[in-house]
């Protein structure tokens, strides 16, 4: 075998390894569950509020915005395990998200390490919602004639996925400061 063939085969091997699923992150097996997919300008908030309201033991939210904060607070009032991680932009002002949640007795952590570009919510041990939606009132309700390419996906009946997001949430709590 000549030198060029050996180099080419080595290149193919390295490319195959780098493109394998193991190199891209941890693969999740899809269980018998369902995914509801929403795109703006649908009223994502209505579906997300309903998703949270159906929770029976846990609501952990990463970067919730005002459109769903009321549901998070109500989950805490129902006695659920509720936890929230926010970025530093949500701690200013009297009516800040951080103050509203803390006043309601919701444990809040502030993560100053990242600019939060994604959002997720974990409900119970088998439901997760995530997507590119910023959770802002305008984006998730499609109001004021503004539209965007945002989406949000609500997964139900998926324990493995919920476990992965719960582990990520706990990792983020560990590197955040209690508010």
Foldseek 3Di string as FASTA:
>chain_A
DDPVVVVVVVVVVVVVVCPDVVVVDDDADDDPWDKDKDWPPAQQLVVVLVVLQPFDAEKEKEAADPSNLVSLLVCVVVVHQYEYEHEPVQPDDPPGSVNVCVVSVHWYWYQPPDDDQWIKMAGDQFKIKIWRQNNYPCANNVPPVDGDGIMMMIMGRHRRVSVVVVVVSVVRRVNTGTD
